[in-house]
Protein backbone atom coordinates (compact mmCIF):
# COMPACT_ATOMS: atom_id res chain seq x y z
CA MET A 1 41.07 -33.64 2.41
CA LYS A 2 38.86 -33.37 -0.67
CA THR A 3 38.06 -30.09 -2.44
CA LEU A 4 34.81 -29.49 -4.33
CA VAL A 5 34.76 -27.03 -7.22
CA LEU A 6 31.13 -25.88 -7.00
CA ASN A 7 29.34 -23.96 -9.72
CA VAL A 8 26.00 -22.34 -8.77
CA ASP A 9 23.19 -21.62 -11.21
CA ARG A 10 20.54 -20.00 -9.00
CA ASP A 11 17.87 -19.49 -11.70
CA ASP A 12 18.32 -22.96 -13.30
CA ASP A 13 19.42 -21.99 -16.80
CA PHE A 14 20.84 -25.49 -17.30
CA GLY A 15 17.46 -27.07 -16.57
CA ARG A 16 15.32 -24.56 -18.48
CA LYS A 17 17.49 -24.10 -21.55
CA ALA A 18 19.58 -27.25 -21.87
CA LYS A 19 17.09 -29.65 -20.22
CA ILE A 20 19.76 -31.00 -17.87
CA LYS A 21 18.84 -32.51 -14.52
CA SER A 22 20.82 -31.25 -11.55
CA PRO A 23 22.94 -31.66 -9.50
CA ILE A 24 25.60 -32.20 -12.19
CA ILE A 25 28.48 -34.17 -10.61
CA GLY A 26 31.76 -35.14 -12.27
CA ILE A 27 33.99 -33.56 -14.92
CA LYS A 28 32.45 -35.46 -17.85
CA ASN A 29 28.88 -34.52 -16.89
CA ASN A 30 29.84 -30.87 -16.42
CA ILE A 31 31.59 -30.72 -19.82
CA ASP A 32 28.50 -32.24 -21.47
CA ALA A 33 26.28 -29.76 -19.63
CA ALA A 34 28.47 -26.85 -20.76
CA ASN A 35 28.29 -27.98 -24.39
CA LYS A 36 24.52 -28.38 -24.32
CA LEU A 37 23.99 -24.96 -22.70
CA GLY A 38 26.43 -23.43 -25.21
CA MET A 39 24.37 -24.79 -28.09
CA ALA A 40 21.11 -23.68 -26.46
CA ASP A 41 22.23 -20.15 -25.53
CA PRO A 42 25.83 -19.16 -26.36
CA GLU A 43 25.41 -15.77 -24.62
CA ASP A 44 24.33 -17.11 -21.23
CA SER A 45 26.59 -15.97 -18.39
CA ASP A 46 26.31 -19.40 -16.73
CA LEU A 47 28.36 -20.73 -19.65
CA ASN A 48 31.34 -18.64 -18.52
CA ALA A 49 30.89 -19.84 -14.96
CA ILE A 50 30.85 -23.58 -15.76
CA PHE A 51 33.87 -23.32 -18.05
CA SER A 52 35.67 -21.42 -15.29
CA ALA A 53 34.79 -24.25 -12.90
CA ILE A 54 36.10 -26.84 -15.40
CA SER A 55 39.30 -24.83 -15.82
CA THR A 56 39.77 -24.60 -12.06
CA TYR A 57 39.18 -28.35 -11.74
CA ASN A 58 41.79 -29.14 -14.42
CA THR A 59 44.34 -26.84 -12.78
CA LEU A 60 43.90 -28.58 -9.41
CA ILE A 61 44.09 -32.02 -11.04
CA ASN A 62 47.38 -31.04 -12.68
CA GLU A 63 48.61 -30.06 -9.22
CA GLN A 64 47.64 -33.57 -8.10
CA LYS A 65 45.02 -32.31 -5.66
CA ASN A 66 42.11 -34.45 -4.48
CA VAL A 67 39.28 -32.58 -6.21
CA GLU A 68 35.75 -33.06 -7.56
CA ILE A 69 33.47 -30.78 -9.59
CA ALA A 70 29.73 -30.25 -9.39
CA THR A 71 27.06 -27.81 -10.55
CA ILE A 72 23.88 -27.19 -8.57
CA CYS A 73 20.80 -25.43 -9.99
CA GLY A 74 17.90 -23.64 -8.32
CA HIS A 75 14.61 -22.42 -9.81
CA ILE A 76 13.50 -19.68 -12.19
CA ASN A 77 11.54 -18.09 -9.29
CA VAL A 78 14.67 -16.83 -7.56
CA GLY A 79 14.12 -16.58 -3.83
CA PHE A 80 12.93 -18.99 -1.16
CA LYS A 81 11.98 -21.78 -3.57
CA SER A 82 15.25 -21.53 -5.50
CA ASP A 83 17.43 -21.46 -2.36
CA GLU A 84 15.57 -24.44 -0.87
CA ILE A 85 16.33 -26.51 -3.98
CA LEU A 86 19.97 -25.42 -3.93
CA SER A 87 20.25 -26.42 -0.26
CA GLN A 88 18.93 -29.91 -0.98
CA GLN A 89 21.24 -30.39 -3.98
CA LEU A 90 24.27 -29.14 -2.04
CA GLU A 91 23.67 -31.68 0.72
CA GLN A 92 23.36 -34.42 -1.92
CA VAL A 93 26.63 -33.35 -3.58
CA ILE A 94 28.48 -33.28 -0.24
CA ARG A 95 27.22 -36.80 0.59
CA GLU A 96 28.17 -38.26 -2.80
CA THR A 97 31.57 -36.56 -3.14
CA GLY A 98 32.66 -36.58 0.50
CA ALA A 99 34.13 -33.09 0.06
CA ASP A 100 35.56 -31.18 3.04
CA ASN A 101 35.85 -27.72 1.49
CA VAL A 102 34.52 -25.77 -1.48
CA ILE A 103 35.88 -23.48 -4.17
CA LEU A 104 32.78 -21.54 -5.17
CA ILE A 105 32.25 -20.39 -8.76
CA THR A 106 29.45 -17.88 -9.45
CA ASP A 107 28.36 -15.95 -12.52
CA GLY A 108 27.51 -12.66 -10.80
CA ALA A 109 26.16 -10.76 -7.81
CA GLU A 110 22.86 -12.64 -7.71
CA ASP A 111 24.40 -16.05 -7.02
CA GLU A 112 26.26 -14.73 -3.99
CA TYR A 113 23.00 -14.71 -2.02
CA ILE A 114 23.59 -18.46 -1.72
CA LEU A 115 26.81 -17.91 0.27
CA PRO A 116 25.22 -18.19 3.76
CA ILE A 117 23.55 -21.47 2.78
CA ILE A 118 26.82 -22.97 1.55
CA GLN A 119 28.83 -21.69 4.52
CA SER A 120 26.36 -23.30 6.92
CA ARG A 121 27.08 -26.73 5.41
CA ILE A 122 30.71 -26.75 4.28
CA LYS A 123 33.86 -24.63 4.51
CA ILE A 124 34.46 -22.21 1.60
CA THR A 125 38.18 -21.81 0.85
CA SER A 126 37.87 -19.61 -2.23
CA ILE A 127 35.31 -17.71 -4.31
CA ASN A 128 35.73 -17.09 -8.03
CA ARG A 129 33.19 -14.68 -9.45
CA VAL A 130 32.98 -14.92 -13.25
CA SER A 131 31.49 -12.24 -15.52
CA VAL A 132 32.05 -11.15 -19.08
CA LYS A 133 34.48 -8.26 -18.61
CA GLN A 134 32.54 -5.78 -20.68
CA SER A 135 29.30 -6.40 -18.73
CA ARG A 136 30.50 -6.76 -15.12
CA GLU A 137 29.35 -3.31 -13.94
CA LEU A 138 26.14 -3.52 -15.95
CA GLU A 139 25.31 -6.91 -14.48
CA ASP A 140 25.95 -5.69 -10.93
CA THR A 141 23.68 -2.69 -11.53
CA TYR A 142 20.98 -4.91 -13.00
CA TYR A 143 20.87 -7.23 -10.02
CA ARG A 144 21.02 -4.36 -7.54
CA ILE A 145 18.00 -2.77 -9.24
CA LEU A 146 16.14 -6.08 -9.11
CA LYS A 147 16.97 -6.40 -5.42
CA LEU A 148 15.68 -2.88 -4.73
CA LEU A 149 12.46 -3.62 -6.61
CA ASP A 150 11.90 -6.61 -4.32
CA ASP A 151 11.88 -4.24 -1.34
CA GLU A 152 8.26 -3.47 -0.41
CA LYS A 153 9.25 -0.12 1.09
CA VAL A 154 10.94 0.98 -2.16
CA LEU A 155 7.92 -0.15 -4.17
CA LYS A 156 5.52 1.92 -2.09
CA GLN A 157 7.69 5.03 -1.99
CA PHE A 158 8.86 5.24 -5.61
CA VAL A 159 7.08 2.75 -7.87
CA LEU A 160 3.55 3.40 -6.54
CA PRO A 161 3.43 7.13 -7.42
CA ILE A 162 4.81 6.40 -10.89
CA ALA A 163 2.14 3.73 -11.37
CA LEU A 164 -0.59 6.14 -10.22
CA VAL A 165 0.61 8.84 -12.63
CA LEU A 166 0.66 6.39 -15.56
CA ILE A 167 -2.82 5.06 -14.76
CA VAL A 168 -4.35 8.54 -14.42
CA TRP A 169 -2.63 9.79 -17.58
CA ALA A 170 -3.72 6.71 -19.58
CA PHE A 171 -7.33 7.05 -18.34
CA PHE A 172 -7.64 10.70 -19.43
CA ALA A 173 -5.76 10.03 -22.66
CA LEU A 174 -8.29 7.33 -23.59
CA LEU A 175 -11.08 9.82 -22.94
CA GLY A 176 -9.35 12.41 -25.14
CA LEU A 177 -8.84 14.80 -22.23
CA ALA A 178 -5.06 15.25 -22.31
CA ALA A 179 -5.15 18.77 -20.83
CA SER A 180 -7.38 17.68 -17.96
CA GLY A 181 -5.15 14.66 -17.48
CA PHE A 182 -2.20 16.86 -16.52
CA GLY A 183 -4.29 18.50 -13.82
CA ALA A 184 -5.51 15.11 -12.61
CA ILE A 185 -1.90 13.88 -12.42
CA LEU A 186 -0.94 16.87 -10.26
CA LEU A 187 -3.98 16.22 -8.07
CA THR A 188 -3.08 12.52 -7.71
CA LEU A 189 0.53 13.27 -6.79
CA GLY A 190 -0.60 15.97 -4.38
CA LEU A 191 -2.97 13.57 -2.60
CA TYR A 192 -0.28 10.89 -2.47
CA LEU A 193 2.26 13.28 -0.95
CA LEU A 194 -0.35 14.55 1.51
CA ILE A 195 -1.07 10.98 2.64
CA ARG A 196 2.66 10.33 3.04
CA VAL A 197 3.30 13.54 4.99
CA PHE A 198 0.47 13.00 7.48
CA ARG A 199 1.07 9.21 7.58
CA TRP A 200 -2.51 8.31 6.70
CA GLU A 201 -1.51 5.01 5.08
CA LYS A 202 -2.76 2.90 8.00
CA ASN A 203 -6.06 4.80 8.14
CA ILE A 204 -6.61 4.26 4.43
CA ALA A 205 -5.69 0.58 4.77
CA LEU A 206 -8.19 0.21 7.63
CA MET A 207 -10.82 1.98 5.53
CA TRP A 208 -10.18 -0.41 2.65
CA GLU A 209 -10.44 -3.42 4.97
CA GLU A 210 -13.69 -1.98 6.32
CA ILE A 211 -15.06 -1.69 2.78
CA LYS A 212 -14.07 -5.28 1.93
CA SER A 213 -15.53 -6.52 5.19
CA GLY A 214 -18.72 -4.60 4.44
CA PHE A 215 -19.16 -6.32 1.10
CA LEU A 216 -18.47 -9.77 2.57
CA THR A 217 -20.67 -9.41 5.69
CA GLY A 218 -23.37 -7.13 4.31
CA LYS A 219 -22.73 -4.23 6.69
CA LEU A 220 -25.33 -1.48 6.39
CA SER A 221 -22.73 1.23 7.08
CA LEU A 222 -20.94 0.48 3.80
CA TYR A 223 -24.03 1.40 1.81
CA THR A 224 -24.93 4.39 3.96
CA TYR A 225 -21.37 5.68 3.50
CA ILE A 226 -21.78 5.34 -0.26
CA ILE A 227 -25.12 7.19 -0.13
CA ALA A 228 -23.58 9.89 2.09
CA THR A 229 -20.69 10.33 -0.37
CA VAL A 230 -23.10 10.64 -3.30
CA ILE A 231 -25.09 13.27 -1.40
CA LEU A 232 -21.92 15.23 -0.62
CA VAL A 233 -20.78 15.15 -4.26
CA ALA A 234 -24.26 16.08 -5.51
CA SER A 235 -24.47 18.93 -3.00
CA ALA A 236 -21.06 20.22 -4.11
CA ILE A 237 -22.08 20.10 -7.79
CA LEU A 238 -25.41 21.87 -7.11
CA ALA A 239 -23.69 24.47 -4.94
CA PHE A 240 -21.07 25.08 -7.63
CA ASN A 241 -23.68 25.42 -10.40
CA ASN A 242 -25.74 27.78 -8.27
CA THR A 243 -22.63 29.86 -7.55
CA ILE A 244 -21.46 30.21 -11.17
CA ASN A 245 -25.01 31.06 -12.31
CA THR A 246 -25.36 33.90 -9.80
CA ASN A 247 -24.21 37.44 -10.53
CA PHE A 248 -22.08 38.76 -7.67
CA PRO A 249 -20.82 42.32 -7.16
CA ALA A 250 -17.25 42.55 -8.47
CA THR A 251 -16.14 44.48 -5.39
CA VAL A 252 -16.75 41.59 -2.95
CA GLU A 253 -14.66 38.58 -3.94
CA ILE A 254 -15.65 36.53 -0.89
CA LEU A 255 -19.37 36.37 -1.82
CA PRO A 256 -19.04 33.33 -4.18
CA ILE A 257 -17.26 31.39 -1.42
CA LEU A 258 -19.94 32.28 1.14
CA SER A 259 -22.66 31.27 -1.32
CA PHE A 260 -21.01 27.95 -2.11
CA VAL A 261 -20.47 27.05 1.58
CA ASN A 262 -24.02 28.09 2.51
CA ASN A 263 -25.46 25.84 -0.21
CA MET A 264 -23.31 22.93 1.00
CA ILE A 265 -24.28 23.02 4.70
CA TRP A 266 -27.47 20.96 4.68
CA GLY A 267 -25.96 18.44 2.27
CA ILE A 268 -23.20 17.87 4.84
CA VAL A 269 -25.78 17.49 7.61
CA ILE A 270 -27.91 14.98 5.68
CA ALA A 271 -24.84 12.95 4.60
CA GLY A 272 -23.59 12.88 8.20
CA LEU A 273 -26.96 11.70 9.54
CA ILE A 274 -27.16 8.87 7.00
CA ALA A 275 -23.59 7.74 7.76
CA ILE A 276 -24.22 7.81 11.53
CA PHE A 277 -27.45 5.82 11.10
CA GLY A 278 -25.71 3.00 9.23
CA ARG A 279 -22.80 2.90 11.68
CA SER A 280 -25.15 2.79 14.68
CA ILE A 281 -27.14 -0.10 13.24
CA ASP A 282 -23.94 -2.09 12.58
CA ILE A 283 -22.68 -1.54 16.13
CA TYR A 284 -26.06 -2.56 17.57
CA VAL A 285 -26.10 -5.77 15.49
CA ARG A 286 -22.46 -6.58 16.34
CA ASP A 287 -22.40 -5.77 20.05
CA LYS A 288 -26.09 -6.44 20.86
CA LYS A 289 -26.37 -3.14 22.75
CA ALA A 290 -27.38 0.43 22.00
CA PRO A 291 -24.57 2.57 20.51
CA TRP A 292 -25.03 5.34 23.08
CA LYS A 293 -21.68 6.93 22.18
CA TYR A 294 -23.24 8.09 18.89
CA TRP A 295 -26.23 9.73 20.59
CA ILE A 296 -24.81 13.28 20.58
CA LEU A 297 -23.73 13.27 16.90
CA PRO A 298 -27.17 13.91 15.29
CA PHE A 299 -27.79 16.80 17.73
CA SER A 300 -24.35 18.22 16.89
CA LEU A 301 -25.02 17.97 13.16
CA PHE A 302 -28.37 19.75 13.45
CA ALA A 303 -26.76 22.42 15.65
CA PHE A 304 -24.02 22.85 13.04
CA GLY A 305 -26.60 23.09 10.25
CA PHE A 306 -28.82 25.72 11.85
CA ILE A 307 -26.05 27.91 13.28
CA SER A 308 -23.77 27.74 10.22
CA SER A 309 -26.67 28.39 7.86
CA ALA A 310 -27.72 31.43 9.88
CA ILE A 311 -24.19 32.86 10.06
CA PHE A 312 -23.22 32.37 6.40
CA GLU A 313 -26.57 33.58 5.09
CA ALA A 314 -26.50 36.71 7.26
CA LEU A 315 -22.86 37.40 6.41
CA TYR A 316 -23.61 37.01 2.70
CA LYS A 317 -26.50 39.49 2.84
CA ALA A 318 -24.52 41.90 5.03
CA LEU A 319 -21.65 42.04 2.50
CA ILE A 320 -23.68 42.48 -0.68
CA ASN A 321 -23.26 46.26 -0.70
CA TRP A 322 -19.68 46.23 0.64
CA PRO A 323 -17.59 48.42 0.87
CA SER A 324 -20.22 51.18 0.93
CA THR A 325 -22.18 49.53 3.77
CA PHE A 326 -22.04 46.52 6.04
CA ASP A 327 -25.64 45.64 7.03
CA LEU A 328 -25.54 44.62 10.70
CA ASN A 329 -29.34 44.31 10.72
CA GLN A 330 -28.97 40.93 8.99
CA PHE A 331 -27.70 39.54 12.30
CA LEU A 332 -30.84 40.82 14.10
CA THR A 333 -33.50 39.31 11.83
CA THR A 334 -36.06 36.81 13.06
CA ARG A 335 -34.59 34.15 10.76
CA PHE A 336 -31.02 34.61 12.08
CA ILE A 337 -32.13 34.63 15.75
CA GLY A 338 -34.51 31.69 15.24
CA PHE A 339 -31.93 29.53 13.44
CA THR A 340 -29.21 30.37 15.97
CA PHE A 341 -31.50 29.67 18.92
CA THR A 342 -32.67 26.37 17.38
CA GLY A 343 -29.05 25.30 16.84
CA LEU A 344 -28.10 26.16 20.40
CA MET A 345 -31.10 24.22 21.73
CA PHE A 346 -30.12 21.16 19.69
CA ALA A 347 -26.58 21.40 21.09
CA LEU A 348 -27.86 21.88 24.66
CA VAL A 349 -30.38 19.02 24.51
CA GLY A 350 -27.80 16.74 22.90
CA THR A 351 -25.15 17.49 25.53
CA ILE A 352 -27.52 17.06 28.53
CA THR A 353 -29.14 13.86 27.25
CA TYR A 354 -25.78 12.42 26.18
CA HIS A 355 -24.28 12.79 29.66
CA TYR A 356 -27.49 11.39 31.20
CA ILE A 357 -27.51 8.34 28.90
CA LYS A 358 -23.75 7.89 29.36
CA GLU A 359 -24.18 7.76 33.13
CA ILE A 360 -27.00 5.21 32.85
CA TYR A 361 -25.05 2.86 30.55
CA GLN A 362 -21.81 3.18 32.51
CA THR A 363 -23.70 2.28 35.69
CA GLU A 364 -25.22 -0.75 33.96
CA GLU A 365 -21.81 -1.84 32.66
CA LYS A 366 -20.30 -1.56 36.15
CA GLU A 367 -23.15 -3.62 37.62
CA LEU A 368 -22.66 -6.31 34.97
CA GLU A 369 -18.92 -6.37 35.65
CA ILE A 370 -19.52 -6.74 39.40
CA GLU A 371 -22.04 -9.49 38.74
CA LYS A 372 -19.53 -11.39 36.55
CA GLN A 373 -16.79 -11.09 39.19
CA THR A 374 -19.21 -12.30 41.87
CA LYS A 375 -20.10 -15.38 39.80
CA ILE A 376 -16.42 -16.16 39.23
CA ASP A 377 -15.64 -15.85 42.95
């Protein structure tokens, strides 16, 4: 029975620093390799490991055991590529030495990831883990942190929010807006936590894929969404400016909110119509059929616009003189009744026509399905 004293250098320090080709087989070659690495980097932990392997080899030789020594090296990109190289070198060493069992020498926690690969090829009778005594705990912590940072889940949960905070802070710092940057950081973290709580990650990922697909395929909806977003932002800015430039009675704190919402309503309607238009065109081009499922949305948006505008405007005017009076006559004006009636008519026409069109298209789809089945039969 022949024993192999095997030293493992997973990140190939011998190759990178000492320019030594691996695998390194034989006591003389390993001593030479240790000397060259010692001259290249005396503080490298692999130096301790190879000298430990040489010491183990000499001890076994003195006990008149049948023993051989070898060092195998991986790659600086520790992972699949490194382990594949180590597997190939291990098989070569086993063939050339004819070893039956292994005494494994490693320089720390990282190299022990190679254990399953070695165990699948040869029996391991002993493991000697070598570290500089003063740095053993530090080295373990270092490699555990590196392993955690390789975990995609850990990266998304802990590293991503830190990265977002640093980016936002740096952006505002470059603009000289440090005070605003703190608020932006809180907003960013709040949005991130909100996304995590409601598990919107997949929806955001799908949205991002939709945007990329839109740029690559020239989808109209991508550009209508952008226009709709600009309209929404512009409407919000105009509504805010109009609100802060209006003098409201100090006794009614809700009036600025009512004014802002009322000024936003038709911006929301227009943005929604533009977004629906682009989406409908894309579906028609893709599926080669009318997007009847979107038929009711424009009617609903117009109904929302007229009814909401009537309610918020009337409520605003009714509360102007609050708490002395609440003017119910604002809900009986021609404008309020006309807007409310128009909104209800839009909703009614949209609902009736939608169900009518839905029935027509569903009938056509059933007929086409029956026709296909008949052809197959």
